[in-house]
C-alpha atoms as a PDB file:
ATOM      1  CA  MET A   1     -12.664   4.726 -15.355  1.00  0.00           C
ATOM      2  CA  MET A   2     -12.079   7.482 -12.791  1.00  0.00           C
ATOM      3  CA  PRO A   3      -8.631   9.072 -12.476  1.00  0.00           C
ATOM      4  CA  GLU A   4      -6.815   8.248  -9.266  1.00  0.00           C
ATOM      5  CA  THR A   5      -6.931  11.019  -6.671  1.00  0.00           C
ATOM      6  CA  ARG A   6      -3.592  11.900  -5.140  1.00  0.00           C
ATOM      7  CA  VAL A   7      -2.642  13.755  -1.964  1.00  0.00           C
ATOM      8  CA  CYS A   8       0.265  16.200  -1.678  1.00  0.00           C
ATOM      9  CA  SER A   9       3.115  14.773   0.418  1.00  0.00           C
ATOM     10  CA  PHE A  10       3.798  18.167   2.020  1.00  0.00           C
ATOM     11  CA  THR A  11       0.464  19.963   2.390  1.00  0.00           C
ATOM     12  CA  SER A  12      -1.891  16.937   2.528  1.00  0.00           C
ATOM     13  CA  GLU A  13      -4.171  18.692   0.011  1.00  0.00           C
ATOM     14  CA  GLU A  14      -5.865  16.786  -2.777  1.00  0.00           C
ATOM     15  CA  ILE A  15      -4.225  17.099  -6.199  1.00  0.00           C
ATOM     16  CA  GLU A  16      -6.488  17.561  -9.208  1.00  0.00           C
ATOM     17  CA  PRO A  17      -6.090  14.946 -11.966  1.00  0.00           C
ATOM     18  CA  GLY A  18      -3.662  16.128 -14.643  1.00  0.00           C
ATOM     19  CA  THR A  19      -1.784  18.462 -12.300  1.00  0.00           C
ATOM     20  CA  GLY A  20       0.942  18.139  -9.696  1.00  0.00           C
ATOM     21  CA  MET A  21       4.450  16.713  -9.740  1.00  0.00           C
ATOM     22  CA  MET A  22       5.746  13.263  -8.952  1.00  0.00           C
ATOM     23  CA  TYR A  23       9.174  13.087  -7.286  1.00  0.00           C
ATOM     24  CA  VAL A  24      10.931   9.719  -7.006  1.00  0.00           C
ATOM     25  CA  LYS A  25      13.673   9.474  -4.400  1.00  0.00           C
ATOM     26  CA  ARG A  26      16.768   7.315  -4.836  1.00  0.00           C
ATOM     27  CA  ASP A  27      15.386   4.705  -2.442  1.00  0.00           C
ATOM     28  CA  GLY A  28      12.368   4.283  -4.744  1.00  0.00           C
ATOM     29  CA  SER A  29       9.793   6.081  -2.608  1.00  0.00           C
ATOM     30  CA  VAL A  30       7.403   8.366  -4.483  1.00  0.00           C
ATOM     31  CA  MET A  31       6.345  11.822  -3.306  1.00  0.00           C
ATOM     32  CA  TRP A  32       3.545  13.839  -4.922  1.00  0.00           C
ATOM     33  CA  PHE A  33       3.487  17.632  -4.783  1.00  0.00           C
ATOM     34  CA  ARG A  34       0.577  19.950  -5.559  1.00  0.00           C
ATOM     35  CA  ASP A  35       2.760  22.810  -6.807  1.00  0.00           C
ATOM     36  CA  SER A  36       6.347  24.069  -6.888  1.00  0.00           C
ATOM     37  CA  LYS A  37       5.831  25.919  -3.582  1.00  0.00           C
ATOM     38  CA  ALA A  38       5.197  22.634  -1.764  1.00  0.00           C
ATOM     39  CA  ARG A  39       8.044  20.872  -3.590  1.00  0.00           C
ATOM     40  CA  LYS A  40      10.599  23.583  -2.786  1.00  0.00           C
ATOM     41  CA  ASN A  41       9.553  23.808   0.874  1.00  0.00           C
ATOM     42  CA  ALA A  42       9.864  20.041   1.298  1.00  0.00           C
ATOM     43  CA  LEU A  43      12.986  19.207  -0.728  1.00  0.00           C
ATOM     44  CA  LYS A  44      15.080  22.353  -1.088  1.00  0.00           C
ATOM     45  CA  LEU A  45      14.288  24.174   2.163  1.00  0.00           C
ATOM     46  CA  LYS A  46      13.637  20.974   4.214  1.00  0.00           C
ATOM     47  CA  ARG A  47      10.792  22.594   6.149  1.00  0.00           C
ATOM     48  CA  ASN A  48       8.408  20.856   8.521  1.00  0.00           C
ATOM     49  CA  PRO A  49       4.846  21.073   7.129  1.00  0.00           C
ATOM     50  CA  ARG A  50       3.439  21.154  10.665  1.00  0.00           C
ATOM     51  CA  ARG A  51       5.054  24.579  11.182  1.00  0.00           C
ATOM     52  CA  MET A  52       3.728  26.153   7.963  1.00  0.00           C
ATOM     53  CA  LYS A  53       0.386  27.931   8.475  1.00  0.00           C
ATOM     54  CA  TRP A  54      -0.588  27.515   4.810  1.00  0.00           C
ATOM     55  CA  THR A  55      -0.588  23.684   4.956  1.00  0.00           C
ATOM     56  CA  GLN A  56      -3.387  21.439   6.175  1.00  0.00           C
ATOM     57  CA  ARG A  57      -0.876  19.695   8.449  1.00  0.00           C
ATOM     58  CA  TYR A  58      -0.333  22.870  10.498  1.00  0.00           C
ATOM     59  CA  VAL A  59      -0.553  22.327  14.283  1.00  0.00           C
ATOM     60  CA  LYS A  60      -1.624  25.391  16.250  1.00  0.00           C
ATOM     61  CA  GLY A  61       0.304  25.936  19.467  1.00  0.00           C
ATOM     62  CA  GLY A  62       3.652  24.788  18.103  1.00  0.00           C
ATOM     63  CA  ILE A  63       5.665  21.602  18.162  1.00  0.00           C
ATOM     64  CA  LYS A  64       8.248  20.578  20.722  1.00  0.00           C
END
């Protein structure tokens, strides 16, 4: 049986099996993070992943 592949909720990068962090919000929704950098940027700093150049969600030219 193959391990389930997961995608980071912030960076949209694939998470290797056996790594990453699962964060469960109070409303029951589940967020997966590749590393602590992605987790802190999403939850603590409340940043938009489309503005971070190091994410795969980055949009060149800016967002209005």
